[in-house]
Amino acid sequence: ILAGEPIRVFNHGQMQRDFTYIDDIVQ
């Protein structure tokens, strides 16, 4: 994004993830 280059988005963006922040994992 910062380089102005395309990002590869798999399954045409129809993905769902339970993103978990590192501090919560450590705890």
mmCIF file of all heavy atoms, coordinates in Angstrom:
data_MODEL
# 
_entry.id   MODEL 
# 
loop_
_atom_site.group_PDB 
_atom_site.id 
_atom_site.type_symbol 
_atom_site.label_atom_id 
_atom_site.label_alt_id 
_atom_site.label_comp_id 
_atom_site.label_asym_id 
_atom_site.label_entity_id 
_atom_site.label_seq_id 
_atom_site.pdbx_PDB_ins_code 
_atom_site.Cartn_x 
_atom_site.Cartn_y 
_atom_site.Cartn_z 
_atom_site.occupancy 
_atom_site.B_iso_or_equiv 
_atom_site.pdbx_formal_charge 
_atom_site.auth_seq_id 
_atom_site.auth_comp_id 
_atom_site.auth_asym_id 
_atom_site.auth_atom_id 
_atom_site.pdbx_PDB_model_num 
ATOM 1   N N   . ILE A 1 1  ? 0.836   -1.210  0.000  1.00 0.00 ? 1  ILE A N   1 
ATOM 2   C CA  . ILE A 1 1  ? 0.000   0.000   0.000  1.00 0.00 ? 1  ILE A CA  1 
ATOM 3   C C   . ILE A 1 1  ? 0.863   1.248   0.000  1.00 0.00 ? 1  ILE A C   1 
ATOM 4   O O   . ILE A 1 1  ? 0.647   2.186   -0.779 1.00 0.00 ? 1  ILE A O   1 
ATOM 5   C CB  . ILE A 1 1  ? -0.965  -0.016  1.210  1.00 0.00 ? 1  ILE A CB  1 
ATOM 6   C CG1 . ILE A 1 1  ? -2.056  -1.070  1.011  1.00 0.00 ? 1  ILE A CG1 1 
ATOM 7   C CG2 . ILE A 1 1  ? -1.598  1.361   1.429  1.00 0.00 ? 1  ILE A CG2 1 
ATOM 8   C CD1 . ILE A 1 1  ? -2.913  -1.312  2.240  1.00 0.00 ? 1  ILE A CD1 1 
ATOM 9   N N   . LEU A 1 2  ? 1.882   1.263   0.852  1.00 0.00 ? 2  LEU A N   1 
ATOM 10  C CA  . LEU A 1 2  ? 2.738   2.449   0.937  1.00 0.00 ? 2  LEU A CA  1 
ATOM 11  C C   . LEU A 1 2  ? 3.614   2.604   -0.304 1.00 0.00 ? 2  LEU A C   1 
ATOM 12  O O   . LEU A 1 2  ? 4.038   3.715   -0.630 1.00 0.00 ? 2  LEU A O   1 
ATOM 13  C CB  . LEU A 1 2  ? 3.602   2.374   2.196  1.00 0.00 ? 2  LEU A CB  1 
ATOM 14  C CG  . LEU A 1 2  ? 2.841   2.542   3.508  1.00 0.00 ? 2  LEU A CG  1 
ATOM 15  C CD1 . LEU A 1 2  ? 3.755   2.328   4.706  1.00 0.00 ? 2  LEU A CD1 1 
ATOM 16  C CD2 . LEU A 1 2  ? 2.184   3.919   3.591  1.00 0.00 ? 2  LEU A CD2 1 
ATOM 17  N N   . ALA A 1 3  ? 3.873   1.497   -1.007 1.00 0.00 ? 3  ALA A N   1 
ATOM 18  C CA  . ALA A 1 3  ? 4.670   1.567   -2.241 1.00 0.00 ? 3  ALA A CA  1 
ATOM 19  C C   . ALA A 1 3  ? 3.800   1.813   -3.471 1.00 0.00 ? 3  ALA A C   1 
ATOM 20  O O   . ALA A 1 3  ? 4.331   1.934   -4.585 1.00 0.00 ? 3  ALA A O   1 
ATOM 21  C CB  . ALA A 1 3  ? 5.459   0.272   -2.414 1.00 0.00 ? 3  ALA A CB  1 
ATOM 22  N N   . GLY A 1 4  ? 2.490   1.854   -3.287 1.00 0.00 ? 4  GLY A N   1 
ATOM 23  C CA  . GLY A 1 4  ? 1.592   2.047   -4.415 1.00 0.00 ? 4  GLY A CA  1 
ATOM 24  C C   . GLY A 1 4  ? 1.474   0.824   -5.303 1.00 0.00 ? 4  GLY A C   1 
ATOM 25  O O   . GLY A 1 4  ? 1.110   0.925   -6.481 1.00 0.00 ? 4  GLY A O   1 
ATOM 26  N N   . GLU A 1 5  ? 1.772   -0.344  -4.746 1.00 0.00 ? 5  GLU A N   1 
ATOM 27  C CA  . GLU A 1 5  ? 1.716   -1.586  -5.510 1.00 0.00 ? 5  GLU A CA  1 
ATOM 28  C C   . GLU A 1 5  ? 0.434   -2.360  -5.185 1.00 0.00 ? 5  GLU A C   1 
ATOM 29  O O   . GLU A 1 5  ? -0.145  -2.184  -4.108 1.00 0.00 ? 5  GLU A O   1 
ATOM 30  C CB  . GLU A 1 5  ? 2.925   -2.450  -5.174 1.00 0.00 ? 5  GLU A CB  1 
ATOM 31  C CG  . GLU A 1 5  ? 4.259   -1.797  -5.513 1.00 0.00 ? 5  GLU A CG  1 
ATOM 32  C CD  . GLU A 1 5  ? 5.440   -2.585  -4.998 1.00 0.00 ? 5  GLU A CD  1 
ATOM 33  O OE1 . GLU A 1 5  ? 5.208   -3.603  -4.294 1.00 0.00 ? 5  GLU A OE1 1 
ATOM 34  O OE2 . GLU A 1 5  ? 6.592   -2.185  -5.265 1.00 0.00 ? 5  GLU A OE2 1 
ATOM 35  N N   . PRO A 1 6  ? -0.007  -3.223  -6.085 1.00 0.00 ? 6  PRO A N   1 
ATOM 36  C CA  . PRO A 1 6  ? -1.225  -4.003  -5.816 1.00 0.00 ? 6  PRO A CA  1 
ATOM 37  C C   . PRO A 1 6  ? -1.004  -4.990  -4.667 1.00 0.00 ? 6  PRO A C   1 
ATOM 38  O O   . PRO A 1 6  ? 0.091   -5.514  -4.477 1.00 0.00 ? 6  PRO A O   1 
ATOM 39  C CB  . PRO A 1 6  ? -1.472  -4.747  -7.135 1.00 0.00 ? 6  PRO A CB  1 
ATOM 40  C CG  . PRO A 1 6  ? -0.667  -4.037  -8.156 1.00 0.00 ? 6  PRO A CG  1 
ATOM 41  C CD  . PRO A 1 6  ? 0.517   -3.458  -7.437 1.00 0.00 ? 6  PRO A CD  1 
ATOM 42  N N   . ILE A 1 7  ? -2.052  -5.240  -3.911 1.00 0.00 ? 7  ILE A N   1 
ATOM 43  C CA  . ILE A 1 7  ? -2.027  -6.297  -2.900 1.00 0.00 ? 7  ILE A CA  1 
ATOM 44  C C   . ILE A 1 7  ? -2.856  -7.469  -3.422 1.00 0.00 ? 7  ILE A C   1 
ATOM 45  O O   . ILE A 1 7  ? -3.899  -7.277  -4.045 1.00 0.00 ? 7  ILE A O   1 
ATOM 46  C CB  . ILE A 1 7  ? -2.559  -5.819  -1.536 1.00 0.00 ? 7  ILE A CB  1 
ATOM 47  C CG1 . ILE A 1 7  ? -4.020  -5.377  -1.624 1.00 0.00 ? 7  ILE A CG1 1 
ATOM 48  C CG2 . ILE A 1 7  ? -1.701  -4.693  -0.983 1.00 0.00 ? 7  ILE A CG2 1 
ATOM 49  C CD1 . ILE A 1 7  ? -4.649  -5.046  -0.283 1.00 0.00 ? 7  ILE A CD1 1 
ATOM 50  N N   . ARG A 1 8  ? -2.363  -8.677  -3.192 1.00 0.00 ? 8  ARG A N   1 
ATOM 51  C CA  . ARG A 1 8  ? -3.106  -9.862  -3.625 1.00 0.00 ? 8  ARG A CA  1 
ATOM 52  C C   . ARG A 1 8  ? -4.161  -10.195 -2.569 1.00 0.00 ? 8  ARG A C   1 
ATOM 53  O O   . ARG A 1 8  ? -3.835  -10.412 -1.396 1.00 0.00 ? 8  ARG A O   1 
ATOM 54  C CB  . ARG A 1 8  ? -2.155  -11.046 -3.822 1.00 0.00 ? 8  ARG A CB  1 
ATOM 55  C CG  . ARG A 1 8  ? -1.216  -10.867 -4.999 1.00 0.00 ? 8  ARG A CG  1 
ATOM 56  C CD  . ARG A 1 8  ? -0.545  -12.178 -5.373 1.00 0.00 ? 8  ARG A CD  1 
ATOM 57  N NE  . ARG A 1 8  ? 0.233   -12.724 -4.271 1.00 0.00 ? 8  ARG A NE  1 
ATOM 58  C CZ  . ARG A 1 8  ? 0.713   -13.966 -4.254 1.00 0.00 ? 8  ARG A CZ  1 
ATOM 59  N NH1 . ARG A 1 8  ? 0.452   -14.808 -5.254 1.00 0.00 ? 8  ARG A NH1 1 
ATOM 60  N NH2 . ARG A 1 8  ? 1.437   -14.384 -3.227 1.00 0.00 ? 8  ARG A NH2 1 
ATOM 61  N N   . VAL A 1 9  ? -5.411  -10.221 -2.998 1.00 0.00 ? 9  VAL A N   1 
ATOM 62  C CA  . VAL A 1 9  ? -6.533  -10.481 -2.100 1.00 0.00 ? 9  VAL A CA  1 
ATOM 63  C C   . VAL A 1 9  ? -7.185  -11.785 -2.553 1.00 0.00 ? 9  VAL A C   1 
ATOM 64  O O   . VAL A 1 9  ? -7.832  -11.835 -3.606 1.00 0.00 ? 9  VAL A O   1 
ATOM 65  C CB  . VAL A 1 9  ? -7.545  -9.316  -2.126 1.00 0.00 ? 9  VAL A CB  1 
ATOM 66  C CG1 . VAL A 1 9  ? -8.693  -9.584  -1.165 1.00 0.00 ? 9  VAL A CG1 1 
ATOM 67  C CG2 . VAL A 1 9  ? -6.850  -7.997  -1.786 1.00 0.00 ? 9  VAL A CG2 1 
ATOM 68  N N   . PHE A 1 10 ? -7.001  -12.832 -1.742 1.00 0.00 ? 10 PHE A N   1 
ATOM 69  C CA  . PHE A 1 10 ? -7.435  -14.159 -2.163 1.00 0.00 ? 10 PHE A CA  1 
ATOM 70  C C   . PHE A 1 10 ? -8.932  -14.368 -1.962 1.00 0.00 ? 10 PHE A C   1 
ATOM 71  O O   . PHE A 1 10 ? -9.581  -13.693 -1.154 1.00 0.00 ? 10 PHE A O   1 
ATOM 72  C CB  . PHE A 1 10 ? -6.635  -15.225 -1.417 1.00 0.00 ? 10 PHE A CB  1 
ATOM 73  C CG  . PHE A 1 10 ? -5.167  -15.206 -1.778 1.00 0.00 ? 10 PHE A CG  1 
ATOM 74  C CD1 . PHE A 1 10 ? -4.209  -14.797 -0.859 1.00 0.00 ? 10 PHE A CD1 1 
ATOM 75  C CD2 . PHE A 1 10 ? -4.754  -15.555 -3.055 1.00 0.00 ? 10 PHE A CD2 1 
ATOM 76  C CE1 . PHE A 1 10 ? -2.872  -14.766 -1.203 1.00 0.00 ? 10 PHE A CE1 1 
ATOM 77  C CE2 . PHE A 1 10 ? -3.412  -15.530 -3.409 1.00 0.00 ? 10 PHE A CE2 1 
ATOM 78  C CZ  . PHE A 1 10 ? -2.463  -15.129 -2.480 1.00 0.00 ? 10 PHE A CZ  1 
ATOM 79  N N   . ASN A 1 11 ? -9.447  -15.336 -2.710 1.00 0.00 ? 11 ASN A N   1 
ATOM 80  C CA  . ASN A 1 11 ? -10.875 -15.651 -2.724 1.00 0.00 ? 11 ASN A CA  1 
ATOM 81  C C   . ASN A 1 11 ? -11.710 -14.407 -3.019 1.00 0.00 ? 11 ASN A C   1 
ATOM 82  O O   . ASN A 1 11 ? -12.822 -14.251 -2.511 1.00 0.00 ? 11 ASN A O   1 
ATOM 83  C CB  . ASN A 1 11 ? -11.322 -16.302 -1.404 1.00 0.00 ? 11 ASN A CB  1 
ATOM 84  C CG  . ASN A 1 11 ? -12.627 -17.062 -1.551 1.00 0.00 ? 11 ASN A CG  1 
ATOM 85  O OD1 . ASN A 1 11 ? -12.897 -17.652 -2.590 1.00 0.00 ? 11 ASN A OD1 1 
ATOM 86  N ND2 . ASN A 1 11 ? -13.438 -17.050 -0.499 1.00 0.00 ? 11 ASN A ND2 1 
ATOM 87  N N   . HIS A 1 12 ? -11.134 -13.508 -3.811 1.00 0.00 ? 12 HIS A N   1 
ATOM 88  C CA  . HIS A 1 12 ? -11.807 -12.267 -4.226 1.00 0.00 ? 12 HIS A CA  1 
ATOM 89  C C   . HIS A 1 12 ? -12.299 -11.454 -3.029 1.00 0.00 ? 12 HIS A C   1 
ATOM 90  O O   . HIS A 1 12 ? -13.307 -10.760 -3.104 1.00 0.00 ? 12 HIS A O   1 
ATOM 91  C CB  . HIS A 1 12 ? -12.965 -12.589 -5.181 1.00 0.00 ? 12 HIS A CB  1 
ATOM 92  C CG  . HIS A 1 12 ? -12.535 -13.403 -6.371 1.00 0.00 ? 12 HIS A CG  1 
ATOM 93  N ND1 . HIS A 1 12 ? -11.877 -12.847 -7.453 1.00 0.00 ? 12 HIS A ND1 1 
ATOM 94  C CD2 . HIS A 1 12 ? -12.626 -14.737 -6.630 1.00 0.00 ? 12 HIS A CD2 1 
ATOM 95  C CE1 . HIS A 1 12 ? -11.594 -13.800 -8.331 1.00 0.00 ? 12 HIS A CE1 1 
ATOM 96  N NE2 . HIS A 1 12 ? -12.033 -14.955 -7.855 1.00 0.00 ? 12 HIS A NE2 1 
ATOM 97  N N   . GLY A 1 13 ? -11.569 -11.572 -1.931 1.00 0.00 ? 13 GLY A N   1 
ATOM 98  C CA  . GLY A 1 13 ? -11.895 -10.811 -0.731 1.00 0.00 ? 13 GLY A CA  1 
ATOM 99  C C   . GLY A 1 13 ? -12.924 -11.453 0.169  1.00 0.00 ? 13 GLY A C   1 
ATOM 100 O O   . GLY A 1 13 ? -13.208 -10.937 1.259  1.00 0.00 ? 13 GLY A O   1 
ATOM 101 N N   . GLN A 1 14 ? -13.491 -12.574 -0.268 1.00 0.00 ? 14 GLN A N   1 
ATOM 102 C CA  . GLN A 1 14 ? -14.532 -13.231 0.530  1.00 0.00 ? 14 GLN A CA  1 
ATOM 103 C C   . GLN A 1 14 ? -13.894 -14.149 1.565  1.00 0.00 ? 14 GLN A C   1 
ATOM 104 O O   . GLN A 1 14 ? -14.093 -15.369 1.574  1.00 0.00 ? 14 GLN A O   1 
ATOM 105 C CB  . GLN A 1 14 ? -15.486 -13.997 -0.386 1.00 0.00 ? 14 GLN A CB  1 
ATOM 106 C CG  . GLN A 1 14 ? -16.183 -13.134 -1.418 1.00 0.00 ? 14 GLN A CG  1 
ATOM 107 C CD  . GLN A 1 14 ? -16.878 -11.939 -0.792 1.00 0.00 ? 14 GLN A CD  1 
ATOM 108 O OE1 . GLN A 1 14 ? -17.735 -12.104 0.093  1.00 0.00 ? 14 GLN A OE1 1 
ATOM 109 N NE2 . GLN A 1 14 ? -16.538 -10.736 -1.230 1.00 0.00 ? 14 GLN A NE2 1 
ATOM 110 N N   . MET A 1 15 ? -13.113 -13.541 2.429  1.00 0.00 ? 15 MET A N   1 
ATOM 111 C CA  . MET A 1 15 ? -12.423 -14.249 3.503  1.00 0.00 ? 15 MET A CA  1 
ATOM 112 C C   . MET A 1 15 ? -12.774 -13.578 4.827  1.00 0.00 ? 15 MET A C   1 
ATOM 113 O O   . MET A 1 15 ? -13.015 -12.367 4.879  1.00 0.00 ? 15 MET A O   1 
ATOM 114 C CB  . MET A 1 15 ? -10.906 -14.195 3.298  1.00 0.00 ? 15 MET A CB  1 
ATOM 115 C CG  . MET A 1 15 ? -10.421 -14.689 1.957  1.00 0.00 ? 15 MET A CG  1 
ATOM 116 S SD  . MET A 1 15 ? -10.285 -16.466 1.906  1.00 0.00 ? 15 MET A SD  1 
ATOM 117 C CE  . MET A 1 15 ? -8.676  -16.682 2.644  1.00 0.00 ? 15 MET A CE  1 
ATOM 118 N N   . GLN A 1 16 ? -12.764 -14.362 5.873  1.00 0.00 ? 16 GLN A N   1 
ATOM 119 C CA  . GLN A 1 16 ? -13.049 -13.847 7.213  1.00 0.00 ? 16 GLN A CA  1 
ATOM 120 C C   . GLN A 1 16 ? -12.031 -14.441 8.178  1.00 0.00 ? 16 GLN A C   1 
ATOM 121 O O   . GLN A 1 16 ? -11.792 -15.649 8.166  1.00 0.00 ? 16 GLN A O   1 
ATOM 122 C CB  . GLN A 1 16 ? -14.465 -14.240 7.623  1.00 0.00 ? 16 GLN A CB  1 
ATOM 123 C CG  . GLN A 1 16 ? -14.902 -13.730 8.983  1.00 0.00 ? 16 GLN A CG  1 
ATOM 124 C CD  . GLN A 1 16 ? -16.354 -14.068 9.256  1.00 0.00 ? 16 GLN A CD  1 
ATOM 125 O OE1 . GLN A 1 16 ? -17.250 -13.377 8.828  1.00 0.00 ? 16 GLN A OE1 1 
ATOM 126 N NE2 . GLN A 1 16 ? -16.584 -15.167 9.959  1.00 0.00 ? 16 GLN A NE2 1 
ATOM 127 N N   . ARG A 1 17 ? -11.416 -13.567 8.978  1.00 0.00 ? 17 ARG A N   1 
ATOM 128 C CA  . ARG A 1 17 ? -10.408 -14.025 9.923  1.00 0.00 ? 17 ARG A CA  1 
ATOM 129 C C   . ARG A 1 17 ? -10.671 -13.440 11.309 1.00 0.00 ? 17 ARG A C   1 
ATOM 130 O O   . ARG A 1 17 ? -11.113 -12.294 11.442 1.00 0.00 ? 17 ARG A O   1 
ATOM 131 C CB  . ARG A 1 17 ? -9.000  -13.615 9.470  1.00 0.00 ? 17 ARG A CB  1 
ATOM 132 C CG  . ARG A 1 17 ? -8.469  -14.368 8.256  1.00 0.00 ? 17 ARG A CG  1 
ATOM 133 C CD  . ARG A 1 17 ? -8.180  -15.811 8.607  1.00 0.00 ? 17 ARG A CD  1 
ATOM 134 N NE  . ARG A 1 17 ? -7.638  -16.552 7.472  1.00 0.00 ? 17 ARG A NE  1 
ATOM 135 C CZ  . ARG A 1 17 ? -8.366  -17.214 6.582  1.00 0.00 ? 17 ARG A CZ  1 
ATOM 136 N NH1 . ARG A 1 17 ? -9.696  -17.194 6.675  1.00 0.00 ? 17 ARG A NH1 1 
ATOM 137 N NH2 . ARG A 1 17 ? -7.784  -17.890 5.611  1.00 0.00 ? 17 ARG A NH2 1 
ATOM 138 N N   . ASP A 1 18 ? -10.339 -14.237 12.324 1.00 0.00 ? 18 ASP A N   1 
ATOM 139 C CA  . ASP A 1 18 ? -10.446 -13.782 13.705 1.00 0.00 ? 18 ASP A CA  1 
ATOM 140 C C   . ASP A 1 18 ? -9.095  -13.158 14.079 1.00 0.00 ? 18 ASP A C   1 
ATOM 141 O O   . ASP A 1 18 ? -8.287  -13.751 14.788 1.00 0.00 ? 18 ASP A O   1 
ATOM 142 C CB  . ASP A 1 18 ? -10.781 -14.965 14.614 1.00 0.00 ? 18 ASP A CB  1 
ATOM 143 C CG  . ASP A 1 18 ? -11.440 -14.519 15.909 1.00 0.00 ? 18 ASP A CG  1 
ATOM 144 O OD1 . ASP A 1 18 ? -11.318 -13.326 16.238 1.00 0.00 ? 18 ASP A OD1 1 
ATOM 145 O OD2 . ASP A 1 18 ? -12.074 -15.350 16.568 1.00 0.00 ? 18 ASP A OD2 1 
ATOM 146 N N   . PHE A 1 19 ? -8.842  -11.943 13.561 1.00 0.00 ? 19 PHE A N   1 
ATOM 147 C CA  . PHE A 1 19 ? -7.574  -11.257 13.801 1.00 0.00 ? 19 PHE A CA  1 
ATOM 148 C C   . PHE A 1 19 ? -7.408  -11.004 15.297 1.00 0.00 ? 19 PHE A C   1 
ATOM 149 O O   . PHE A 1 19 ? -8.282  -10.411 15.946 1.00 0.00 ? 19 PHE A O   1 
ATOM 150 C CB  . PHE A 1 19 ? -7.539  -9.923  13.047 1.00 0.00 ? 19 PHE A CB  1 
ATOM 151 C CG  . PHE A 1 19 ? -7.470  -10.074 11.553 1.00 0.00 ? 19 PHE A CG  1 
ATOM 152 C CD1 . PHE A 1 19 ? -8.611  -9.942  10.774 1.00 0.00 ? 19 PHE A CD1 1 
ATOM 153 C CD2 . PHE A 1 19 ? -6.262  -10.348 10.927 1.00 0.00 ? 19 PHE A CD2 1 
ATOM 154 C CE1 . PHE A 1 19 ? -8.550  -10.071 9.384  1.00 0.00 ? 19 PHE A CE1 1 
ATOM 155 C CE2 . PHE A 1 19 ? -6.191  -10.484 9.547  1.00 0.00 ? 19 PHE A CE2 1 
ATOM 156 C CZ  . PHE A 1 19 ? -7.341  -10.346 8.769  1.00 0.00 ? 19 PHE A CZ  1 
ATOM 157 N N   . THR A 1 20 ? -6.258  -11.430 15.841 1.00 0.00 ? 20 THR A N   1 
ATOM 158 C CA  . THR A 1 20 ? -6.019  -11.345 17.282 1.00 0.00 ? 20 THR A CA  1 
ATOM 159 C C   . THR A 1 20 ? -4.726  -10.580 17.533 1.00 0.00 ? 20 THR A C   1 
ATOM 160 O O   . THR A 1 20 ? -3.662  -10.944 17.027 1.00 0.00 ? 20 THR A O   1 
ATOM 161 C CB  . THR A 1 20 ? -5.933  -12.746 17.903 1.00 0.00 ? 20 THR A CB  1 
ATOM 162 O OG1 . THR A 1 20 ? -7.060  -13.520 17.481 1.00 0.00 ? 20 THR A OG1 1 
ATOM 163 C CG2 . THR A 1 20 ? -5.919  -12.664 19.421 1.00 0.00 ? 20 THR A CG2 1 
ATOM 164 N N   . TYR A 1 21 ? -4.821  -9.516  18.323 1.00 0.00 ? 21 TYR A N   1 
ATOM 165 C CA  . TYR A 1 21 ? -3.694  -8.621  18.548 1.00 0.00 ? 21 TYR A CA  1 
ATOM 166 C C   . TYR A 1 21 ? -2.638  -9.286  19.422 1.00 0.00 ? 21 TYR A C   1 
ATOM 167 O O   . TYR A 1 21 ? -2.964  -10.032 20.355 1.00 0.00 ? 21 TYR A O   1 
ATOM 168 C CB  . TYR A 1 21 ? -4.191  -7.331  19.204 1.00 0.00 ? 21 TYR A CB  1 
ATOM 169 C CG  . TYR A 1 21 ? -3.148  -6.241  19.292 1.00 0.00 ? 21 TYR A CG  1 
ATOM 170 C CD1 . TYR A 1 21 ? -2.557  -5.725  18.146 1.00 0.00 ? 21 TYR A CD1 1 
ATOM 171 C CD2 . TYR A 1 21 ? -2.765  -5.722  20.531 1.00 0.00 ? 21 TYR A CD2 1 
ATOM 172 C CE1 . TYR A 1 21 ? -1.606  -4.721  18.222 1.00 0.00 ? 21 TYR A CE1 1 
ATOM 173 C CE2 . TYR A 1 21 ? -1.820  -4.715  20.617 1.00 0.00 ? 21 TYR A CE2 1 
ATOM 174 C CZ  . TYR A 1 21 ? -1.241  -4.222  19.455 1.00 0.00 ? 21 TYR A CZ  1 
ATOM 175 O OH  . TYR A 1 21 ? -0.286  -3.225  19.542 1.00 0.00 ? 21 TYR A OH  1 
ATOM 176 N N   . ILE A 1 22 ? -1.391  -9.001  19.141 1.00 0.00 ? 22 ILE A N   1 
ATOM 177 C CA  . ILE A 1 22 ? -0.272  -9.677  19.793 1.00 0.00 ? 22 ILE A CA  1 
ATOM 178 C C   . ILE A 1 22 ? -0.315  -9.564  21.314 1.00 0.00 ? 22 ILE A C   1 
ATOM 179 O O   . ILE A 1 22 ? -0.023  -10.534 22.024 1.00 0.00 ? 22 ILE A O   1 
ATOM 180 C CB  . ILE A 1 22 ? 1.082   -9.148  19.245 1.00 0.00 ? 22 ILE A CB  1 
ATOM 181 C CG1 . ILE A 1 22 ? 2.270   -9.875  19.886 1.00 0.00 ? 22 ILE A CG1 1 
ATOM 182 C CG2 . ILE A 1 22 ? 1.189   -7.643  19.384 1.00 0.00 ? 22 ILE A CG2 1 
ATOM 183 C CD1 . ILE A 1 22 ? 2.351   -11.343 19.611 1.00 0.00 ? 22 ILE A CD1 1 
ATOM 184 N N   . ASP A 1 23 ? -0.679  -8.416  21.862 1.00 0.00 ? 23 ASP A N   1 
ATOM 185 C CA  . ASP A 1 23 ? -0.702  -8.268  23.322 1.00 0.00 ? 23 ASP A CA  1 
ATOM 186 C C   . ASP A 1 23 ? -1.703  -9.229  23.963 1.00 0.00 ? 23 ASP A C   1 
ATOM 187 O O   . ASP A 1 23 ? -1.475  -9.731  25.075 1.00 0.00 ? 23 ASP A O   1 
ATOM 188 C CB  . ASP A 1 23 ? -1.040  -6.828  23.716 1.00 0.00 ? 23 ASP A CB  1 
ATOM 189 C CG  . ASP A 1 23 ? 0.089   -5.858  23.419 1.00 0.00 ? 23 ASP A CG  1 
ATOM 190 O OD1 . ASP A 1 23 ? 1.127   -6.300  22.879 1.00 0.00 ? 23 ASP A OD1 1 
ATOM 191 O OD2 . ASP A 1 23 ? -0.061  -4.652  23.711 1.00 0.00 ? 23 ASP A OD2 1 
ATOM 192 N N   . ASP A 1 24 ? -2.828  -9.476  23.278 1.00 0.00 ? 24 ASP A N   1 
ATOM 193 C CA  . ASP A 1 24 ? -3.811  -10.424 23.800 1.00 0.00 ? 24 ASP A CA  1 
ATOM 194 C C   . ASP A 1 24 ? -3.276  -11.853 23.763 1.00 0.00 ? 24 ASP A C   1 
ATOM 195 O O   . ASP A 1 24 ? -3.503  -12.641 24.686 1.00 0.00 ? 24 ASP A O   1 
ATOM 196 C CB  . ASP A 1 24 ? -5.108  -10.332 22.988 1.00 0.00 ? 24 ASP A CB  1 
ATOM 197 C CG  . ASP A 1 24 ? -5.909  -9.075  23.281 1.00 0.00 ? 24 ASP A CG  1 
ATOM 198 O OD1 . ASP A 1 24 ? -5.777  -8.534  24.393 1.00 0.00 ? 24 ASP A OD1 1 
ATOM 199 O OD2 . ASP A 1 24 ? -6.660  -8.630  22.395 1.00 0.00 ? 24 ASP A OD2 1 
ATOM 200 N N   . ILE A 1 25 ? -2.555  -12.172 22.704 1.00 0.00 ? 25 ILE A N   1 
ATOM 201 C CA  . ILE A 1 25 ? -1.943  -13.503 22.617 1.00 0.00 ? 25 ILE A CA  1 
ATOM 202 C C   . ILE A 1 25 ? -0.951  -13.697 23.763 1.00 0.00 ? 25 ILE A C   1 
ATOM 203 O O   . ILE A 1 25 ? -0.950  -14.736 24.443 1.00 0.00 ? 25 ILE A O   1 
ATOM 204 C CB  . ILE A 1 25 ? -1.238  -13.680 21.261 1.00 0.00 ? 25 ILE A CB  1 
ATOM 205 C CG1 . ILE A 1 25 ? -2.254  -13.734 20.117 1.00 0.00 ? 25 ILE A CG1 1 
ATOM 206 C CG2 . ILE A 1 25 ? -0.337  -14.907 21.272 1.00 0.00 ? 25 ILE A CG2 1 
ATOM 207 C CD1 . ILE A 1 25 ? -3.087  -14.989 20.078 1.00 0.00 ? 25 ILE A CD1 1 
ATOM 208 N N   . VAL A 1 26 ? -0.106  -12.707 23.999 1.00 0.00 ? 26 VAL A N   1 
ATOM 209 C CA  . VAL A 1 26 ? 0.903   -12.797 25.061 1.00 0.00 ? 26 VAL A CA  1 
ATOM 210 C C   . VAL A 1 26 ? 0.233   -12.973 26.420 1.00 0.00 ? 26 VAL A C   1 
ATOM 211 O O   . VAL A 1 26 ? 0.653   -13.817 27.235 1.00 0.00 ? 26 VAL A O   1 
ATOM 212 C CB  . VAL A 1 26 ? 1.806   -11.551 25.052 1.00 0.00 ? 26 VAL A CB  1 
ATOM 213 C CG1 . VAL A 1 26 ? 2.700   -11.519 26.283 1.00 0.00 ? 26 VAL A CG1 1 
ATOM 214 C CG2 . VAL A 1 26 ? 2.645   -11.519 23.777 1.00 0.00 ? 26 VAL A CG2 1 
ATOM 215 N N   . GLN A 1 27 ? -0.809  -12.202 26.659 1.00 0.00 ? 27 GLN A N   1 
ATOM 216 C CA  . GLN A 1 27 ? -1.527  -12.316 27.929 1.00 0.00 ? 27 GLN A CA  1 
ATOM 217 C C   . GLN A 1 27 ? -2.078  -13.727 28.119 1.00 0.00 ? 27 GLN A C   1 
ATOM 218 O O   . GLN A 1 27 ? -1.975  -14.329 29.201 1.00 0.00 ? 27 GLN A O   1 
ATOM 219 C CB  . GLN A 1 27 ? -2.667  -11.310 27.966 1.00 0.00 ? 27 GLN A CB  1 
ATOM 220 C CG  . GLN A 1 27 ? -3.447  -11.275 29.256 1.00 0.00 ? 27 GLN A CG  1 
ATOM 221 C CD  . GLN A 1 27 ? -2.701  -10.604 30.385 1.00 0.00 ? 27 GLN A CD  1 
ATOM 222 O OE1 . GLN A 1 27 ? -2.593  -11.165 31.476 1.00 0.00 ? 27 GLN A OE1 1 
ATOM 223 N NE2 . GLN A 1 27 ? -2.186  -9.417  30.155 1.00 0.00 ? 27 GLN A NE2 1 
# 
